[in-house]
């Protein structure tokens, strides 16, 4: 777990440096699709920019969908702390997802001018939360402690059903998902002072800060991890709540640590919803989406047009996941976003 996280972080840092260099030259909320237009050949720049723009916008819609849906599954895991026999049905999971989406939407719509303050609160919550988890798990360790050899070197692919090599590379996907939205930082270019300097720094430093935070978060879990077979048998398919409960030795302790992760999930949902609305607005401003005249309009206090469009387009594909939400629950990736 720890080495895959470090490997992906190193590889992503090279990408971040490249994006930061381009961003310092072209700091715009259009982001990568505008960069394609400026850097591609004159014969292909329009097509390349159009393709990249749609991939970017659809990508950020999809990432926003995955974050809100993952937070909904995190709620399912929290309920499982006190009701381990409860298995959420597809429609129950979907209703929770709608609730998470509504909260993120309302924050982006009515608290737009307070988003910088919310970001500061998020940073403090995350930093203090990591420290609390580190201290609590290190002191309590109710499920026992593992050796350094186990924490840093144990690798058992037998539960995956794949070969060791393939299992390792599949295991790199959650860390890669963590850094999937670093390019979305550019969508806030027209809302910060001196974006040609601030945004490249934000892109570049997000990787080492995230890497260090992730290592501090993962190490106490690796040293105090409960029995893996027990975690895999959790009926809801979301073992994070049970993991914290077993490690802390009480439901109250498990809920406390779970609530830290849930708070981070909500902050992630708000931030990615904001980035999705900005990316949508930039694409509409460049007349690249239907009804661009409507969605490119700006309200001084309420960005309702692009926020509403982004939310609607996130809800539409979520129906496709409704049928399999209970039968094939996906592990919540939000802890990786620490």
Protein backbone atom coordinates (compact mmCIF):
# COMPACT_ATOMS: atom_id res chain seq x y z
CA UNK A 1 0.00 0.00 0.00
CA UNK A 2 2.62 2.52 1.06
CA UNK A 3 5.04 1.85 -1.80
CA UNK A 4 2.35 2.09 -4.46
CA UNK A 5 1.32 5.44 -3.01
CA UNK A 6 4.90 6.74 -3.11
CA UNK A 7 5.49 5.44 -6.65
CA UNK A 8 2.37 7.09 -8.03
CA UNK A 9 3.22 10.32 -6.21
CA UNK A 10 6.68 10.46 -7.78
CA UNK A 11 5.33 9.80 -11.27
CA UNK A 12 2.55 12.36 -10.81
CA UNK A 13 5.04 15.00 -9.67
CA UNK A 14 6.64 14.98 -13.13
CA UNK A 15 3.21 15.57 -14.67
CA UNK A 16 2.46 18.35 -12.19
CA UNK A 17 5.69 20.14 -13.04
CA UNK A 18 4.81 20.06 -16.73
CA UNK A 19 1.30 21.34 -16.12
CA UNK A 20 2.61 24.06 -13.82
CA UNK A 21 5.06 25.28 -16.45
CA UNK A 22 2.33 25.58 -19.08
CA UNK A 23 -0.06 27.14 -16.58
CA UNK A 24 2.44 29.86 -15.74
CA UNK A 25 2.38 30.88 -19.40
CA UNK A 26 -1.37 30.48 -20.00
CA UNK A 27 -3.24 30.90 -16.70
CA UNK A 28 -6.87 30.61 -17.74
CA UNK A 29 -9.96 28.82 -16.46
CA UNK A 30 -10.16 27.07 -19.83
CA UNK A 31 -7.15 25.03 -18.75
CA UNK A 32 -5.84 22.21 -20.89
CA UNK A 33 -8.05 22.73 -23.94
CA UNK A 34 -6.83 26.29 -24.31
CA UNK A 35 -3.26 25.06 -23.94
CA UNK A 36 -3.92 22.60 -26.78
CA UNK A 37 -5.05 25.45 -28.97
CA UNK A 38 -1.95 27.53 -28.24
CA UNK A 39 0.60 24.72 -28.47
CA UNK A 40 -0.77 22.46 -31.22
CA UNK A 41 -0.15 22.82 -34.95
CA UNK A 42 -2.26 25.49 -36.69
CA UNK A 43 -3.79 22.73 -38.83
CA UNK A 44 -4.98 20.66 -35.88
CA UNK A 45 -5.34 23.12 -33.02
CA UNK A 46 -9.10 23.66 -33.33
CA UNK A 47 -9.93 19.95 -33.45
CA UNK A 48 -7.39 19.11 -30.72
CA UNK A 49 -8.74 21.86 -28.50
CA UNK A 50 -12.36 20.77 -29.06
CA UNK A 51 -11.60 17.12 -28.27
CA UNK A 52 -9.53 18.01 -25.22
CA UNK A 53 -12.21 20.41 -24.01
CA UNK A 54 -14.94 17.80 -24.10
CA UNK A 55 -12.69 15.23 -22.44
CA UNK A 56 -11.84 17.75 -19.72
CA UNK A 57 -15.41 18.84 -19.04
CA UNK A 58 -16.87 15.33 -19.11
CA UNK A 59 -13.94 14.16 -17.02
CA UNK A 60 -14.53 16.71 -14.28
CA UNK A 61 -18.26 15.91 -14.30
CA UNK A 62 -17.38 12.25 -13.86
CA UNK A 63 -14.86 12.93 -11.10
CA UNK A 64 -17.45 15.03 -9.28
CA UNK A 65 -19.91 12.16 -9.64
CA UNK A 66 -17.41 9.65 -8.26
CA UNK A 67 -16.56 11.85 -5.26
CA UNK A 68 -20.18 12.45 -4.27
CA UNK A 69 -21.11 8.81 -4.83
CA UNK A 70 -18.06 7.69 -2.86
CA UNK A 71 -19.06 10.00 0.00
CA UNK A 72 -22.54 8.45 -0.07
CA UNK A 73 -20.97 5.00 0.29
CA UNK A 74 -18.91 6.39 3.14
CA UNK A 75 -22.19 7.22 4.88
CA UNK A 76 -23.21 3.59 4.39
CA UNK A 77 -19.95 2.57 6.07
CA UNK A 78 -20.69 4.92 8.98
CA UNK A 79 -24.11 3.39 9.54
CA UNK A 80 -22.46 -0.04 9.48
CA UNK A 81 -20.51 0.87 12.62
CA UNK A 82 -23.70 0.73 14.72
CA UNK A 83 -25.74 -1.59 12.48
CA UNK A 84 -23.28 -4.09 10.97
CA UNK A 85 -26.09 -6.32 9.69
CA UNK A 86 -27.62 -3.53 7.57
CA UNK A 87 -26.99 -3.68 3.83
CA UNK A 88 -28.02 -0.58 1.88
CA UNK A 89 -30.21 -1.23 -1.13
CA UNK A 90 -29.53 0.47 -4.43
CA UNK A 91 -32.22 3.12 -3.95
CA UNK A 92 -31.08 3.85 -0.38
CA UNK A 93 -27.54 4.44 -1.58
CA UNK A 94 -28.86 6.62 -4.37
CA UNK A 95 -30.94 8.75 -2.00
CA UNK A 96 -27.87 9.28 0.19
CA UNK A 97 -25.95 10.24 -2.94
CA UNK A 98 -28.63 12.81 -3.82
CA UNK A 99 -28.31 14.27 -0.33
CA UNK A 100 -24.53 14.64 -0.61
CA UNK A 101 -24.90 16.18 -4.07
CA UNK A 102 -27.54 18.63 -2.81
CA UNK A 103 -25.33 19.81 0.05
CA UNK A 104 -22.35 20.36 -2.28
CA UNK A 105 -24.59 22.16 -4.79
CA UNK A 106 -26.06 24.47 -2.17
CA UNK A 107 -22.63 25.41 -0.85
CA UNK A 108 -21.40 26.25 -4.37
CA UNK A 109 -24.56 28.20 -5.16
CA UNK A 110 -25.29 30.22 -2.02
CA UNK A 111 -21.89 30.35 -0.31
CA UNK A 112 -19.80 31.13 -3.37
CA UNK A 113 -18.04 34.10 -1.78
CA UNK A 114 -17.16 32.00 1.27
CA UNK A 115 -15.43 29.24 -0.72
CA UNK A 116 -11.91 30.52 0.14
CA UNK A 117 -12.83 30.31 3.83
CA UNK A 118 -14.22 26.82 3.31
CA UNK A 119 -10.92 25.82 1.67
CA UNK A 120 -9.01 27.06 4.73
CA UNK A 121 -11.33 25.12 7.04
CA UNK A 122 -10.83 22.04 4.83
CA UNK A 123 -7.05 22.33 5.08
CA UNK A 124 -7.21 22.66 8.87
CA UNK A 125 -9.71 19.80 9.18
CA UNK A 126 -7.54 17.52 7.05
CA UNK A 127 -4.28 18.36 8.80
CA UNK A 128 -5.69 18.03 12.30
CA UNK A 129 -7.66 14.94 11.28
CA UNK A 130 -4.53 13.14 10.10
CA UNK A 131 -2.77 13.94 13.37
CA UNK A 132 -5.77 12.73 15.40
CA UNK A 133 -5.93 9.47 13.44
CA UNK A 134 -2.17 8.98 13.83
CA UNK A 135 -2.28 9.49 17.60
CA UNK A 136 -5.45 7.50 18.26
CA UNK A 137 -4.50 4.45 16.21
CA UNK A 138 -0.91 4.45 17.46
CA UNK A 139 -1.97 4.58 21.12
CA UNK A 140 -5.03 2.34 21.06
CA UNK A 141 -4.26 -0.44 18.53
CA UNK A 142 -7.06 -2.58 19.99
CA UNK A 143 -6.76 -5.13 17.18
CA UNK A 144 -3.04 -5.59 17.77
CA UNK A 145 0.15 -4.27 16.25
CA UNK A 146 2.12 -5.48 13.25
CA UNK A 147 5.85 -5.64 12.72
CA UNK A 148 7.74 -3.28 10.45
CA UNK A 149 8.19 -6.16 8.01
CA UNK A 150 4.42 -6.62 7.76
CA UNK A 151 3.56 -2.92 7.58
CA UNK A 152 6.14 -2.06 4.93
CA UNK A 153 6.63 -5.35 3.13
CA UNK A 154 3.54 -7.56 3.38
CA UNK A 155 1.81 -8.16 0.05
CA UNK A 156 -0.93 -10.75 -0.32
CA UNK A 157 -2.70 -10.76 -3.71
CA UNK A 158 -4.66 -13.94 -3.01
CA UNK A 159 -7.89 -12.09 -2.22
CA UNK A 160 -7.85 -10.33 -5.60
CA UNK A 161 -7.88 -13.49 -7.71
CA UNK A 162 -5.17 -12.08 -9.98
CA UNK A 163 -1.45 -12.67 -10.35
CA UNK A 164 0.83 -10.70 -8.00
CA UNK A 165 2.13 -8.38 -10.71
CA UNK A 166 -1.30 -7.55 -12.08
CA UNK A 167 -2.68 -7.08 -8.56
CA UNK A 168 0.07 -4.59 -7.77
CA UNK A 169 -0.70 -2.45 -10.81
CA UNK A 170 -4.43 -2.61 -10.16
CA UNK A 171 -3.62 -1.40 -6.66
CA UNK A 172 -2.04 1.72 -8.17
CA UNK A 173 -5.42 2.94 -9.41
CA UNK A 174 -6.69 4.35 -6.06
CA UNK A 175 -3.55 6.51 -5.58
CA UNK A 176 -3.78 7.62 -9.21
CA UNK A 177 -7.42 8.56 -8.65
CA UNK A 178 -6.28 10.75 -5.77
CA UNK A 179 -4.32 12.98 -8.13
CA UNK A 180 -6.81 12.79 -11.01
CA UNK A 181 -8.00 16.38 -10.58
CA UNK A 182 -4.75 18.33 -10.20
CA UNK A 183 -5.38 19.93 -13.60
CA UNK A 184 -8.69 21.27 -12.30
CA UNK A 185 -6.76 23.82 -10.25
CA UNK A 186 -6.56 25.93 -13.42
CA UNK A 187 -10.36 26.28 -13.50
CA UNK A 188 -10.06 28.78 -10.64
CA UNK A 189 -7.58 30.94 -12.58
CA UNK A 190 -9.90 33.91 -12.96
CA UNK A 191 -10.79 34.00 -9.26
CA UNK A 192 -7.31 34.34 -7.76
CA UNK A 193 -4.78 37.16 -7.66
CA UNK A 194 -1.67 36.78 -9.81
CA UNK A 195 -2.72 33.38 -11.28
CA UNK A 196 0.45 33.01 -13.35
CA UNK A 197 2.38 32.61 -10.09
CA UNK A 198 -0.18 31.23 -7.63
CA UNK A 199 -1.61 28.43 -9.77
CA UNK A 200 1.73 26.84 -10.79
CA UNK A 201 2.75 26.80 -7.13
CA UNK A 202 -0.55 25.21 -6.18
CA UNK A 203 -0.19 22.51 -8.83
CA UNK A 204 3.45 21.79 -7.98
CA UNK A 205 3.11 21.74 -4.19
CA UNK A 206 -0.13 19.76 -4.13
CA UNK A 207 1.82 16.57 -4.86
CA UNK A 208 4.50 16.64 -2.10
CA UNK A 209 1.95 17.91 0.43
CA UNK A 210 -0.46 15.16 -0.57
CA UNK A 211 2.31 12.56 -0.51
CA UNK A 212 3.40 13.48 3.01
CA UNK A 213 -0.18 13.61 4.24
CA UNK A 214 -0.90 10.23 2.71
CA UNK A 215 2.16 8.61 4.28
CA UNK A 216 1.24 9.97 7.72
CA UNK A 217 -2.31 8.70 7.22
CA UNK A 218 -1.34 5.25 5.93
CA UNK A 219 1.44 4.31 8.33
CA UNK A 220 -0.66 3.99 11.52
CA UNK A 221 -3.27 2.01 9.59
CA UNK A 222 -0.65 -0.41 8.28
CA UNK A 223 0.76 -0.99 11.75
CA UNK A 224 -2.65 -1.48 13.40
CA UNK A 225 -4.66 -3.04 10.56
CA UNK A 226 -7.28 -5.54 11.78
CA UNK A 227 -7.66 -8.98 10.21
CA UNK A 228 -8.09 -8.49 6.47
CA UNK A 229 -10.43 -11.47 6.09
CA UNK A 230 -12.77 -9.91 8.65
CA UNK A 231 -12.82 -6.61 6.80
CA UNK A 232 -13.60 -8.30 3.50
CA UNK A 233 -16.61 -10.01 5.05
CA UNK A 234 -18.35 -6.75 5.96
CA UNK A 235 -21.88 -7.12 4.58
CA UNK A 236 -22.11 -3.60 3.17
CA UNK A 237 -18.82 -3.95 1.29
CA UNK A 238 -17.57 -0.74 2.97
CA UNK A 239 -15.07 -1.81 5.65
CA UNK A 240 -13.57 1.53 6.68
CA UNK A 241 -16.00 2.05 9.56
CA UNK A 242 -15.48 -1.49 10.85
CA UNK A 243 -11.72 -1.10 10.45
CA UNK A 244 -11.64 1.99 12.66
CA UNK A 245 -14.02 0.37 15.17
CA UNK A 246 -11.85 -2.74 15.54
CA UNK A 247 -8.65 -0.68 15.72
CA UNK A 248 -10.11 1.64 18.38
CA UNK A 249 -11.89 -1.10 20.30
CA UNK A 250 -15.22 0.75 20.50
CA UNK A 251 -18.01 2.01 18.29
CA UNK A 252 -17.55 5.56 19.59
CA UNK A 253 -13.86 5.56 18.71
CA UNK A 254 -14.53 4.10 15.29
CA UNK A 255 -17.25 6.66 14.60
CA UNK A 256 -14.97 9.52 15.63
CA UNK A 257 -12.28 8.54 13.14
CA UNK A 258 -14.89 7.77 10.49
CA UNK A 259 -16.37 11.26 10.94
CA UNK A 260 -12.99 12.82 10.15
CA UNK A 261 -12.90 10.98 6.81
CA UNK A 262 -16.55 11.84 6.15
CA UNK A 263 -15.81 15.54 6.69
CA UNK A 264 -12.97 15.35 4.20
CA UNK A 265 -15.33 13.65 1.75
CA UNK A 266 -17.83 16.50 2.01
CA UNK A 267 -15.10 19.10 1.52
CA UNK A 268 -13.93 17.17 -1.56
CA UNK A 269 -17.50 17.10 -2.91
CA UNK A 270 -17.83 20.87 -2.51
CA UNK A 271 -14.46 21.67 -4.10
CA UNK A 272 -14.86 19.37 -7.11
CA UNK A 273 -18.42 20.63 -7.67
CA UNK A 274 -17.03 24.15 -7.74
CA UNK A 275 -14.33 23.15 -10.24
CA UNK A 276 -16.92 21.38 -12.40
CA UNK A 277 -19.06 24.51 -12.61
CA UNK A 278 -16.05 26.67 -13.53
CA UNK A 279 -14.90 24.23 -16.22
CA UNK A 280 -18.42 24.16 -17.65
CA UNK A 281 -18.61 27.95 -17.65
CA UNK A 282 -15.26 28.30 -19.44
CA UNK A 283 -16.33 25.85 -22.15
CA UNK A 284 -19.67 27.65 -22.54
CA UNK A 285 -17.89 31.00 -22.78
CA UNK A 286 -15.96 29.64 -25.75
CA UNK A 287 -19.27 28.58 -27.40
CA UNK A 288 -18.37 24.88 -27.33
CA UNK A 289 -21.49 23.44 -25.69
CA UNK A 290 -25.20 23.66 -26.60
CA UNK A 291 -27.07 26.67 -25.17
CA UNK A 292 -23.77 28.37 -24.48
CA UNK A 293 -25.51 31.77 -24.43
CA UNK A 294 -27.31 30.72 -21.24
CA UNK A 295 -24.54 28.85 -19.48
CA UNK A 296 -21.87 31.47 -20.16
CA UNK A 297 -23.79 34.14 -18.25
CA UNK A 298 -22.32 35.17 -14.92
CA UNK A 299 -24.18 36.28 -11.83
CA UNK A 300 -22.15 38.33 -9.34
CA UNK A 301 -23.27 36.26 -6.35
CA UNK A 302 -24.93 33.04 -7.56
CA UNK A 303 -23.29 30.93 -10.32
CA UNK A 304 -26.59 29.10 -10.76
CA UNK A 305 -26.46 28.35 -14.50
CA UNK A 306 -23.26 26.32 -14.78
CA UNK A 307 -23.64 24.88 -11.28
CA UNK A 308 -27.10 23.59 -12.16
CA UNK A 309 -25.89 22.16 -15.47
CA UNK A 310 -22.93 20.42 -13.84
CA UNK A 311 -25.15 18.93 -11.13
CA UNK A 312 -27.74 17.73 -13.65
CA UNK A 313 -25.14 16.06 -15.84
CA UNK A 314 -23.70 14.33 -12.78
CA UNK A 315 -27.11 13.00 -11.74
CA UNK A 316 -27.90 11.61 -15.19
CA UNK A 317 -25.13 8.95 -15.41
CA UNK A 318 -25.61 8.10 -11.76
CA UNK A 319 -28.76 6.21 -12.76
CA UNK A 320 -26.53 3.75 -14.58
CA UNK A 321 -24.76 2.90 -11.33
CA UNK A 322 -28.02 2.60 -9.39
CA UNK A 323 -28.66 -0.97 -10.52
CA UNK A 324 -25.30 -2.26 -9.30
CA UNK A 325 -24.76 -0.05 -6.24
CA UNK A 326 -25.82 -2.75 -3.79
CA UNK A 327 -24.81 -5.89 -5.61
CA UNK A 328 -21.32 -4.68 -6.45
CA UNK A 329 -20.40 -1.98 -3.92
CA UNK A 330 -17.15 -0.26 -4.73
CA UNK A 331 -14.65 0.43 -1.96
CA UNK A 332 -14.77 4.06 -0.97
CA UNK A 333 -11.68 5.82 -2.40
CA UNK A 334 -11.97 8.97 -0.32
CA UNK A 335 -9.29 8.14 2.25
CA UNK A 336 -6.84 8.25 -0.63
CA UNK A 337 -7.74 11.90 -1.17
CA UNK A 338 -6.04 12.84 2.07
